[in-house]
Amino acid sequence: MIRKCLFPAAGYGTRFLPATKSMPKEMMPIVNKPLIEYGVEEALEAGLDQISIVTGRGKRALADHFDTNYELEHQIAGSSKEAMLNDIRHLIDACTFSYTRQREMKGLGHAILTGETLIGDEPFAVVLADDLCVNPGDGVLSQMVKLFRQFRCSIVAIQEVPADETYKYGVIDGEMIKEDIFRINNMVEKPAPEDAPSNMAIIGRYILTPDIFDIIRNTKPGKGGEIQLTDALLQQAKDGCVLAYKFKGKRFDCGSVDGYIEATNYCYENVYRGD
């Protein structure tokens, strides 16, 4: 039922300047693997093998990464280093990749709308690559795909955050319908702590039904003058149903320096050295 995963990847990554002046933030490595590769692995594990990426100026490295590098591969053929390409070769063989370019930075909602031409009229997942999620069992997208098969509506991943950090996130208010599953009644984009309806914050994993495109098209700019996905999802929730899922696993905010270092240390100790 769900085959496609959309990666909005047109942002400038200004919190990591000067590194991101010429390198996409999605290509920043966690140990020896770029952030977006972790995201594509998570999508493929969930059965989503059609990868759609919304890029921008200066983002050609993303397409190059998910392609064959004949010169490099010729140089290391037959050496011990060749095995280091096994994971990315598997993704290139198992997935199809398509790209479109977001000409203006108008918010996450606009980025997703830009990807409509790649998605078409079918449900799809969205991954924000700078939210790195890890779990010893099923990945977060695998967990959400199983829920979608049951409920057939849009689903957002949430986690509890400190009350004084709600201004960084979209925050939901909802009614628990099952353990860790909430029917959303309200959503607020980056509220001040005193205005937040809860401390349950949306993180960078979504499953969206295709009617979201028309809703985004009719959504006026919101917080920061941008077209907010949160506003479109709230309208979708009022018209029907949007669920929030408190996922199993760890999440690292690799859009911040502290979260990026934490993720690097965790993956070095638990993933890289384990291999």
Protein backbone atom coordinates (compact mmCIF):
# COMPACT_ATOMS: atom_id res chain seq x y z
CA MET A 1 0.00 0.00 0.00
CA ILE A 2 2.85 2.40 0.76
CA ARG A 3 5.76 2.31 -1.65
CA LYS A 4 7.17 5.82 -1.58
CA CYS A 5 9.17 7.83 0.92
CA LEU A 6 9.75 11.57 0.51
CA PHE A 7 12.87 13.28 1.84
CA PRO A 8 12.61 17.09 2.03
CA ALA A 9 16.28 18.04 1.64
CA ALA A 10 16.42 21.57 0.29
CA GLY A 11 17.24 23.43 3.52
CA TYR A 12 20.48 25.32 4.05
CA GLY A 13 21.54 23.73 7.35
CA THR A 14 22.68 27.09 8.73
CA ARG A 15 23.25 25.72 12.25
CA PHE A 16 26.27 23.86 10.87
CA LEU A 17 27.96 26.67 8.96
CA PRO A 18 30.61 26.81 7.63
CA ALA A 19 30.49 23.01 7.03
CA THR A 20 27.17 23.29 5.17
CA LYS A 21 28.28 26.19 2.99
CA SER A 22 29.14 23.71 0.23
CA MET A 23 27.95 20.37 1.64
CA PRO A 24 24.29 19.39 2.12
CA LYS A 25 23.48 18.92 5.80
CA GLU A 26 21.91 15.57 4.86
CA MET A 27 25.38 14.41 3.78
CA MET A 28 26.99 15.11 7.14
CA PRO A 29 28.38 11.78 8.36
CA ILE A 30 27.45 9.94 11.51
CA VAL A 31 30.74 8.05 11.86
CA ASN A 32 31.21 6.89 8.24
CA LYS A 33 27.68 7.10 6.82
CA PRO A 34 25.74 10.24 5.85
CA LEU A 35 22.50 11.07 7.63
CA ILE A 36 20.34 10.56 4.56
CA GLU A 37 21.70 7.04 4.07
CA TYR A 38 20.44 6.08 7.52
CA GLY A 39 17.04 7.45 6.54
CA VAL A 40 16.91 5.51 3.26
CA GLU A 41 17.88 2.33 5.11
CA GLU A 42 14.99 2.91 7.51
CA ALA A 43 12.60 3.43 4.60
CA LEU A 44 13.72 0.28 2.80
CA GLU A 45 13.39 -1.76 5.99
CA ALA A 46 9.75 -0.60 6.09
CA GLY A 47 9.21 -1.79 2.50
CA LEU A 48 9.43 1.65 0.91
CA ASP A 49 11.74 1.25 -2.06
CA GLN A 50 10.73 4.29 -4.12
CA ILE A 51 12.78 7.17 -2.71
CA SER A 52 11.81 10.73 -3.65
CA ILE A 53 14.09 13.60 -2.68
CA VAL A 54 13.24 17.31 -2.77
CA THR A 55 16.56 19.08 -3.29
CA GLY A 56 17.75 22.63 -3.79
CA ARG A 57 20.74 24.57 -5.06
CA GLY A 58 24.06 23.05 -4.08
CA LYS A 59 22.57 19.62 -3.31
CA ARG A 60 23.98 17.57 -6.20
CA ALA A 61 26.00 15.47 -3.75
CA LEU A 62 22.75 13.74 -2.73
CA ALA A 63 22.14 12.35 -6.22
CA ASP A 64 25.82 11.51 -6.61
CA HIS A 65 25.82 9.53 -3.37
CA PHE A 66 23.01 7.26 -4.56
CA ASP A 67 24.79 6.52 -7.83
CA THR A 68 27.78 4.52 -9.02
CA ASN A 69 31.21 6.16 -8.80
CA TYR A 70 33.08 4.26 -11.48
CA GLU A 71 36.48 5.86 -10.88
CA LEU A 72 36.44 5.22 -7.12
CA GLU A 73 35.09 1.70 -7.45
CA HIS A 74 37.70 0.86 -10.06
CA GLN A 75 40.48 2.11 -7.77
CA ILE A 76 39.42 0.00 -4.76
CA ALA A 77 38.19 -3.10 -6.65
CA GLY A 78 39.61 -6.24 -5.09
CA SER A 79 40.93 -4.44 -2.00
CA SER A 80 39.70 -4.67 1.58
CA LYS A 81 38.12 -1.22 1.17
CA GLU A 82 35.60 -2.49 -1.39
CA ALA A 83 33.48 -4.01 1.38
CA MET A 84 32.93 -0.51 2.77
CA LEU A 85 30.61 0.17 -0.18
CA ASN A 86 28.39 -2.88 0.42
CA ASP A 87 25.63 -0.98 2.26
CA ILE A 88 25.29 1.85 -0.26
CA ARG A 89 25.47 -0.56 -3.20
CA HIS A 90 22.60 -2.51 -1.66
CA LEU A 91 20.47 0.65 -1.41
CA ILE A 92 21.28 1.66 -4.99
CA ASP A 93 20.26 -1.79 -6.26
CA ALA A 94 17.15 -2.15 -4.06
CA CYS A 95 15.67 1.34 -4.42
CA THR A 96 14.71 3.73 -7.19
CA PHE A 97 15.59 7.39 -6.67
CA SER A 98 13.82 10.42 -8.10
CA TYR A 99 14.51 14.10 -7.53
CA THR A 100 12.87 17.46 -7.88
CA ARG A 101 14.07 20.90 -6.86
CA GLN A 102 12.46 23.36 -4.45
CA ARG A 103 13.21 26.79 -5.87
CA GLU A 104 12.24 28.78 -2.77
CA MET A 105 12.43 27.92 0.92
CA LYS A 106 8.83 28.40 2.08
CA GLY A 107 8.59 25.87 4.89
CA LEU A 108 8.14 22.12 5.30
CA GLY A 109 4.61 22.20 3.95
CA HIS A 110 5.80 23.82 0.74
CA ALA A 111 8.67 21.33 0.44
CA ILE A 112 6.23 18.42 0.66
CA LEU A 113 3.93 20.06 -1.87
CA THR A 114 6.93 20.40 -4.20
CA GLY A 115 7.29 16.62 -3.98
CA GLU A 116 3.74 15.98 -5.22
CA THR A 117 4.96 15.41 -8.76
CA LEU A 118 7.11 12.51 -7.47
CA ILE A 119 4.44 10.99 -5.20
CA GLY A 120 1.20 11.19 -7.15
CA ASP A 121 -2.14 10.07 -5.71
CA GLU A 122 -1.03 7.53 -3.10
CA PRO A 123 -0.12 7.44 0.58
CA PHE A 124 3.54 8.05 1.36
CA ALA A 125 6.04 8.44 4.17
CA VAL A 126 8.13 11.51 4.95
CA VAL A 127 11.54 11.38 6.62
CA LEU A 128 13.46 14.42 7.85
CA ALA A 129 17.00 13.08 7.64
CA ASP A 130 18.39 15.25 10.43
CA ASP A 131 16.17 13.35 12.87
CA LEU A 132 18.14 10.12 13.25
CA CYS A 133 16.05 7.32 14.76
CA VAL A 134 17.43 3.99 15.92
CA ASN A 135 15.76 0.96 17.47
CA PRO A 136 17.03 -2.59 18.08
CA GLY A 137 13.75 -3.98 16.73
CA ASP A 138 11.56 -2.53 14.01
CA GLY A 139 12.57 0.93 12.81
CA VAL A 140 10.22 3.85 13.39
CA LEU A 141 8.86 3.79 9.82
CA SER A 142 8.24 0.03 10.03
CA GLN A 143 6.24 0.62 13.21
CA MET A 144 4.23 3.38 11.52
CA VAL A 145 3.54 1.39 8.34
CA LYS A 146 2.02 -1.38 10.47
CA LEU A 147 -0.24 1.21 12.11
CA PHE A 148 -1.24 2.66 8.75
CA ARG A 149 -2.37 -0.77 7.55
CA GLN A 150 -4.73 -0.81 10.51
CA PHE A 151 -6.02 2.78 10.58
CA ARG A 152 -5.55 4.05 6.97
CA CYS A 153 -5.03 7.70 7.92
CA SER A 154 -2.18 10.17 8.34
CA ILE A 155 0.15 9.41 11.25
CA VAL A 156 2.83 11.55 12.88
CA ALA A 157 5.59 10.28 15.17
CA ILE A 158 5.80 11.98 18.56
CA GLN A 159 7.95 11.92 21.67
CA GLU A 160 7.77 13.68 24.99
CA VAL A 161 10.16 16.62 25.29
CA PRO A 162 11.04 18.91 28.22
CA ALA A 163 8.33 21.52 28.67
CA ASP A 164 10.80 24.36 28.11
CA GLU A 165 11.71 22.99 24.64
CA THR A 166 8.25 23.01 23.03
CA TYR A 167 9.21 26.14 21.06
CA LYS A 168 11.41 23.92 18.84
CA TYR A 169 8.62 21.60 17.65
CA GLY A 170 5.11 21.13 16.44
CA VAL A 171 3.20 20.06 19.56
CA ILE A 172 0.01 17.99 19.69
CA ASP A 173 -2.96 17.64 22.00
CA GLY A 174 -4.81 14.38 21.63
CA GLU A 175 -7.02 11.68 23.06
CA MET A 176 -5.37 8.32 23.72
CA ILE A 177 -7.20 5.58 21.82
CA LYS A 178 -4.69 2.80 22.47
CA GLU A 179 -1.38 2.57 24.25
CA ASP A 180 1.02 5.06 22.62
CA ILE A 181 -1.59 6.06 19.96
CA PHE A 182 -3.46 9.37 20.13
CA ARG A 183 -6.21 10.88 18.00
CA ILE A 184 -5.13 14.49 17.44
CA ASN A 185 -7.46 17.30 18.48
CA ASN A 186 -5.05 20.21 18.22
CA MET A 187 -1.56 20.98 16.91
CA VAL A 188 0.51 24.11 17.43
CA GLU A 189 3.72 24.96 15.59
CA LYS A 190 6.61 25.91 17.93
CA PRO A 191 4.54 27.21 20.84
CA ALA A 192 6.04 29.00 23.81
CA PRO A 193 6.02 26.70 26.86
CA GLU A 194 3.11 28.57 28.43
CA ASP A 195 1.05 28.16 25.23
CA ALA A 196 1.88 24.51 24.48
CA PRO A 197 -1.11 22.13 24.64
CA SER A 198 1.19 19.32 25.90
CA ASN A 199 4.83 18.26 25.84
CA MET A 200 4.27 15.71 23.05
CA ALA A 201 6.32 16.92 20.10
CA ILE A 202 6.19 15.86 16.46
CA ILE A 203 9.51 14.54 15.14
CA GLY A 204 10.66 13.93 11.57
CA ARG A 205 8.63 10.85 10.64
CA TYR A 206 5.22 11.02 8.97
CA ILE A 207 2.85 8.89 6.96
CA LEU A 208 0.52 11.08 4.90
CA THR A 209 -2.51 10.39 2.77
CA PRO A 210 -2.50 12.10 -0.66
CA ASP A 211 -5.32 14.53 0.17
CA ILE A 212 -2.68 16.42 2.18
CA PHE A 213 -1.47 18.03 -1.07
CA ASP A 214 -4.75 19.87 -1.69
CA ILE A 215 -4.89 20.88 1.96
CA ILE A 216 -1.35 22.32 1.82
CA ARG A 217 -2.26 24.15 -1.39
CA ASN A 218 -5.01 25.95 0.52
CA THR A 219 -2.97 26.56 3.68
CA LYS A 220 -1.94 30.14 4.29
CA PRO A 221 1.56 30.97 5.57
CA GLY A 222 1.78 30.55 9.32
CA LYS A 223 4.61 30.71 11.87
CA GLY A 224 7.60 32.56 10.42
CA GLY A 225 5.69 33.36 7.23
CA GLU A 226 6.16 29.77 6.05
CA ILE A 227 3.66 27.17 4.90
CA GLN A 228 3.60 24.86 7.90
CA LEU A 229 2.84 21.17 7.58
CA THR A 230 1.47 21.33 11.13
CA ASP A 231 -1.28 23.73 10.00
CA ALA A 232 -2.24 21.45 7.11
CA LEU A 233 -2.30 18.39 9.37
CA LEU A 234 -4.53 20.20 11.85
CA GLN A 235 -7.02 20.90 9.07
CA GLN A 236 -6.82 17.25 8.01
CA ALA A 237 -7.48 16.22 11.62
CA LYS A 238 -10.57 18.46 11.76
CA ASP A 239 -11.89 17.01 8.50
CA GLY A 240 -11.20 13.39 9.38
CA CYS A 241 -8.53 11.73 11.44
CA VAL A 242 -4.81 12.18 12.11
CA LEU A 243 -3.07 9.93 14.61
CA ALA A 244 0.03 10.55 16.71
CA TYR A 245 2.24 7.62 17.62
CA LYS A 246 4.70 7.57 20.49
CA PHE A 247 7.30 5.41 18.78
CA LYS A 248 9.69 2.86 20.22
CA GLY A 249 13.36 3.76 19.86
CA LYS A 250 15.85 6.58 20.30
CA ARG A 251 15.83 9.82 18.34
CA PHE A 252 18.72 12.24 17.89
CA ASP A 253 18.25 15.82 16.72
CA CYS A 254 21.17 15.95 14.31
CA GLY A 255 20.10 19.41 13.22
CA SER A 256 21.71 20.66 16.43
CA VAL A 257 25.39 20.37 17.28
CA ASP A 258 24.70 18.70 20.64
CA GLY A 259 22.37 16.12 19.08
CA TYR A 260 24.79 15.46 16.23
CA ILE A 261 27.66 14.73 18.63
CA GLU A 262 25.39 12.54 20.76
CA ALA A 263 24.31 10.56 17.70
CA THR A 264 27.90 10.14 16.53
CA ASN A 265 29.01 8.81 19.92
CA TYR A 266 26.01 6.47 20.14
CA CYS A 267 26.47 5.04 16.65
CA TYR A 268 30.20 4.62 17.14
CA GLU A 269 29.67 2.63 20.32
CA ASN A 270 26.57 0.65 19.28
CA VAL A 271 26.59 0.38 15.48
CA TYR A 272 30.00 0.99 13.94
CA ARG A 273 32.06 -0.93 16.50
CA GLY A 274 29.39 -3.63 16.58
CA ASP A 275 29.95 -4.26 12.86
